[in-house]
Structures are given as C-alpha cells and as structure tokens.
Amino acid sequence: MELQIIDKLLTVCKIRDVESADLSSDIYFIGKTDEEISLVCVTDSVPSETLEREDGWRAFRIKGTLDFSLVGILSKISKILADNDIGIFAVSTYNTDYILVKEENFKKALALLSDAGYSISQD
C-alpha cells in the first residue's frame, strides 16, 4: 500500500463558525458536532480568531481510492505508530484516510511504516 506525503504544515483548531475558515485553501477538513466546530487546515490559513489551536502537524494519505468494504487499513497504521509511542490525528474522506502526526515524529513514523512494507511517495 502506498502512503503519499502531504508537503504542508497543518494546524488543528477549534473555531466559532465555519465562515472564518478559508475554504479556498487546497486542504481543509471541517468537523461539526453539537459541541464544537473543528478545523484542520494549512498553518498559513488558520483563521485569525480561533478558540484553541494545535500547530505542528504533518500528514500523509493512503494513496488511491479505498473501497468501503476494506477493513483494518487505518487500524494497522495506527497500531504500528502507537506501538512506537507516536500519536495520530486521523481524518477520513469519501476516497481515503489522512493521518496526521506531530512534526517531530513525522520522519520516524514514515521510517516505521516503510519498514513495515508501506511505500512512501511525495505529494
């Protein structure tokens, strides 16, 4: 399975309303529940007024479109990283999964996944 590096610094933040997000950016994820609105975006595109923010994330995606019948793809990746004390922030889209890792753990995470048989490519 191929993992594709997203060559951007990312931020995870809480925002007051969706209108503050830069929806023209190449990458952003918005999650809204009855308790909060979360935004993952390129660090340079973080809204000026956030409720909370966590900078310093890097990401990769599982390359290609994943069939909904596939089982365990994200759990295998997260287990490899968890077994090596690397936390993740995962986001799924209709096509695939995106795994965010803190920048200081990114190279180690990619090396571990490469050693486990995943191929790594640039965005």
C-alpha atoms as a PDB file:
ATOM      1  CA  MET A   1       0.000   0.000   0.000  1.00  0.00           C
ATOM      2  CA  GLU A   2       1.289   3.460  -0.871  1.00  0.00           C
ATOM      3  CA  LEU A   3       1.316   6.408   1.504  1.00  0.00           C
ATOM      4  CA  GLN A   4       1.587   9.854  -0.032  1.00  0.00           C
ATOM      5  CA  ILE A   5       3.185  12.696   1.930  1.00  0.00           C
ATOM      6  CA  ILE A   6       1.246  15.953   2.107  1.00  0.00           C
ATOM      7  CA  ASP A   7       4.015  18.561   1.941  1.00  0.00           C
ATOM      8  CA  LYS A   8       2.412  21.207   4.142  1.00  0.00           C
ATOM      9  CA  LEU A   9       2.439  22.164   7.812  1.00  0.00           C
ATOM     10  CA  LEU A  10      -1.012  21.729   9.315  1.00  0.00           C
ATOM     11  CA  THR A  11      -2.910  23.043  12.311  1.00  0.00           C
ATOM     12  CA  VAL A  12      -5.832  21.521  14.196  1.00  0.00           C
ATOM     13  CA  CYS A  13      -8.081  24.132  15.776  1.00  0.00           C
ATOM     14  CA  LYS A  14     -11.498  24.932  17.202  1.00  0.00           C
ATOM     15  CA  ILE A  15     -13.386  27.769  15.584  1.00  0.00           C
ATOM     16  CA  ARG A  16     -16.533  29.662  16.450  1.00  0.00           C
ATOM     17  CA  ASP A  17     -18.127  29.439  12.993  1.00  0.00           C
ATOM     18  CA  VAL A  18     -17.430  27.914   9.587  1.00  0.00           C
ATOM     19  CA  GLU A  19     -17.400  31.314   7.904  1.00  0.00           C
ATOM     20  CA  SER A  20     -13.995  32.047   9.470  1.00  0.00           C
ATOM     21  CA  ALA A  21     -12.373  29.131   7.591  1.00  0.00           C
ATOM     22  CA  ASP A  22     -10.541  29.752   4.307  1.00  0.00           C
ATOM     23  CA  LEU A  23     -12.464  27.422   2.039  1.00  0.00           C
ATOM     24  CA  SER A  24     -10.297  28.324  -0.953  1.00  0.00           C
ATOM     25  CA  SER A  25      -7.310  26.502   0.553  1.00  0.00           C
ATOM     26  CA  ASP A  26      -6.124  23.270  -1.093  1.00  0.00           C
ATOM     27  CA  ILE A  27      -6.552  21.300   2.127  1.00  0.00           C
ATOM     28  CA  TYR A  28      -9.019  21.730   4.949  1.00  0.00           C
ATOM     29  CA  PHE A  29     -11.277  19.465   6.964  1.00  0.00           C
ATOM     30  CA  ILE A  30     -14.221  20.699   8.981  1.00  0.00           C
ATOM     31  CA  GLY A  31     -15.972  18.632  11.612  1.00  0.00           C
ATOM     32  CA  LYS A  32     -19.075  19.973  13.324  1.00  0.00           C
ATOM     33  CA  THR A  33     -20.947  18.424  16.223  1.00  0.00           C
ATOM     34  CA  ASP A  34     -23.398  19.741  18.786  1.00  0.00           C
ATOM     35  CA  GLU A  35     -20.356  20.607  20.957  1.00  0.00           C
ATOM     36  CA  GLU A  36     -17.795  22.156  18.617  1.00  0.00           C
ATOM     37  CA  ILE A  37     -16.509  23.007  15.168  1.00  0.00           C
ATOM     38  CA  SER A  38     -13.050  21.618  14.442  1.00  0.00           C
ATOM     39  CA  LEU A  39     -10.873  22.697  11.561  1.00  0.00           C
ATOM     40  CA  VAL A  40      -7.743  21.103  10.151  1.00  0.00           C
ATOM     41  CA  CYS A  41      -6.002  23.436   7.740  1.00  0.00           C
ATOM     42  CA  VAL A  42      -2.681  24.589   6.367  1.00  0.00           C
ATOM     43  CA  THR A  43      -0.994  26.560   9.134  1.00  0.00           C
ATOM     44  CA  ASP A  44      -0.727  29.645   6.922  1.00  0.00           C
ATOM     45  CA  SER A  45      -4.537  29.594   6.536  1.00  0.00           C
ATOM     46  CA  VAL A  46      -5.552  29.402  10.203  1.00  0.00           C
ATOM     47  CA  PRO A  47      -8.353  31.889  10.941  1.00  0.00           C
ATOM     48  CA  SER A  48      -7.200  34.908  12.934  1.00  0.00           C
ATOM     49  CA  GLU A  49      -9.648  34.151  15.730  1.00  0.00           C
ATOM     50  CA  THR A  50      -9.557  30.552  16.934  1.00  0.00           C
ATOM     51  CA  LEU A  51     -10.889  29.259  20.237  1.00  0.00           C
ATOM     52  CA  GLU A  52      -7.985  26.815  20.540  1.00  0.00           C
ATOM     53  CA  ARG A  53      -5.245  25.640  18.200  1.00  0.00           C
ATOM     54  CA  GLU A  54      -2.539  22.996  17.966  1.00  0.00           C
ATOM     55  CA  ASP A  55       0.189  23.705  15.422  1.00  0.00           C
ATOM     56  CA  GLY A  56       2.962  21.462  14.182  1.00  0.00           C
ATOM     57  CA  TRP A  57       1.200  18.635  12.351  1.00  0.00           C
ATOM     58  CA  ARG A  58       2.374  16.859   9.193  1.00  0.00           C
ATOM     59  CA  ALA A  59       0.273  14.424   7.184  1.00  0.00           C
ATOM     60  CA  PHE A  60       0.174  11.612   4.688  1.00  0.00           C
ATOM     61  CA  ARG A  61      -2.708   9.945   2.934  1.00  0.00           C
ATOM     62  CA  ILE A  62      -3.348   6.444   1.772  1.00  0.00           C
ATOM     63  CA  LYS A  63      -2.923   6.856  -1.962  1.00  0.00           C
ATOM     64  CA  GLY A  64      -5.840   5.957  -4.197  1.00  0.00           C
ATOM     65  CA  THR A  65      -9.492   5.382  -3.510  1.00  0.00           C
ATOM     66  CA  LEU A  66     -10.335   2.919  -0.757  1.00  0.00           C
ATOM     67  CA  ASP A  67     -13.304   0.637  -1.143  1.00  0.00           C
ATOM     68  CA  PHE A  68     -15.694   0.808   1.823  1.00  0.00           C
ATOM     69  CA  SER A  69     -15.503  -2.972   2.168  1.00  0.00           C
ATOM     70  CA  LEU A  70     -11.805  -2.809   3.103  1.00  0.00           C
ATOM     71  CA  VAL A  71     -11.250  -3.438   6.802  1.00  0.00           C
ATOM     72  CA  GLY A  72      -8.400  -2.585   9.142  1.00  0.00           C
ATOM     73  CA  ILE A  73      -6.317  -0.248   6.991  1.00  0.00           C
ATOM     74  CA  LEU A  74      -6.292   2.643   9.443  1.00  0.00           C
ATOM     75  CA  SER A  75      -6.007   0.332  12.457  1.00  0.00           C
ATOM     76  CA  LYS A  76      -2.858  -1.337  11.070  1.00  0.00           C
ATOM     77  CA  ILE A  77      -1.159   2.002  10.505  1.00  0.00           C
ATOM     78  CA  SER A  78      -2.249   3.384  13.871  1.00  0.00           C
ATOM     79  CA  LYS A  79      -1.049   0.216  15.656  1.00  0.00           C
ATOM     80  CA  ILE A  80       2.434   0.468  14.145  1.00  0.00           C
ATOM     81  CA  LEU A  81       2.660   4.080  15.270  1.00  0.00           C
ATOM     82  CA  ALA A  82       1.050   3.508  18.692  1.00  0.00           C
ATOM     83  CA  ASP A  83       3.450   0.639  19.399  1.00  0.00           C
ATOM     84  CA  ASN A  84       6.231   3.214  18.943  1.00  0.00           C
ATOM     85  CA  ASP A  85       4.607   5.942  21.090  1.00  0.00           C
ATOM     86  CA  ILE A  86       3.525   8.089  18.130  1.00  0.00           C
ATOM     87  CA  GLY A  87       0.072   9.604  18.433  1.00  0.00           C
ATOM     88  CA  ILE A  88      -2.069  10.351  15.408  1.00  0.00           C
ATOM     89  CA  PHE A  89      -4.974  12.551  14.378  1.00  0.00           C
ATOM     90  CA  ALA A  90      -6.916  10.772  11.627  1.00  0.00           C
ATOM     91  CA  VAL A  91      -9.341  12.274   9.132  1.00  0.00           C
ATOM     92  CA  SER A  92     -11.299  10.279   6.606  1.00  0.00           C
ATOM     93  CA  THR A  93     -12.840  11.439   3.355  1.00  0.00           C
ATOM     94  CA  TYR A  94     -15.048   9.589   0.917  1.00  0.00           C
ATOM     95  CA  ASN A  95     -11.978   8.403  -1.017  1.00  0.00           C
ATOM     96  CA  THR A  96      -9.313   7.740   1.593  1.00  0.00           C
ATOM     97  CA  ASP A  97      -7.808   8.312   5.032  1.00  0.00           C
ATOM     98  CA  TYR A  98      -5.409  11.044   6.099  1.00  0.00           C
ATOM     99  CA  ILE A  99      -3.098  10.506   9.057  1.00  0.00           C
ATOM    100  CA  LEU A 100      -1.623  13.483  10.864  1.00  0.00           C
ATOM    101  CA  VAL A 101       1.443  13.116  13.069  1.00  0.00           C
ATOM    102  CA  LYS A 102       3.254  15.762  15.082  1.00  0.00           C
ATOM    103  CA  GLU A 103       6.145  17.193  13.075  1.00  0.00           C
ATOM    104  CA  GLU A 104       8.819  15.944  15.495  1.00  0.00           C
ATOM    105  CA  ASN A 105       7.623  12.344  14.944  1.00  0.00           C
ATOM    106  CA  PHE A 106       6.971  12.528  11.196  1.00  0.00           C
ATOM    107  CA  LYS A 107      10.260  11.118   9.855  1.00  0.00           C
ATOM    108  CA  LYS A 108      10.242   8.338  12.443  1.00  0.00           C
ATOM    109  CA  ALA A 109       6.627   7.484  11.566  1.00  0.00           C
ATOM    110  CA  LEU A 110       7.425   7.262   7.859  1.00  0.00           C
ATOM    111  CA  ALA A 111      10.510   5.114   8.553  1.00  0.00           C
ATOM    112  CA  LEU A 112       8.483   2.724  10.726  1.00  0.00           C
ATOM    113  CA  LEU A 113       5.763   2.415   8.100  1.00  0.00           C
ATOM    114  CA  SER A 114       8.337   1.919   5.346  1.00  0.00           C
ATOM    115  CA  ASP A 115       9.967  -0.842   7.412  1.00  0.00           C
ATOM    116  CA  ALA A 116       6.513  -2.428   7.747  1.00  0.00           C
ATOM    117  CA  GLY A 117       6.165  -2.638   3.963  1.00  0.00           C
ATOM    118  CA  TYR A 118       4.363   0.590   3.065  1.00  0.00           C
ATOM    119  CA  SER A 119       5.785   2.547   0.133  1.00  0.00           C
ATOM    120  CA  ILE A 120       6.131   6.296   0.652  1.00  0.00           C
ATOM    121  CA  SER A 121       5.794   8.942  -2.076  1.00  0.00           C
ATOM    122  CA  GLN A 122       5.743  12.747  -2.214  1.00  0.00           C
ATOM    123  CA  ASP A 123       2.539  14.678  -2.929  1.00  0.00           C
END
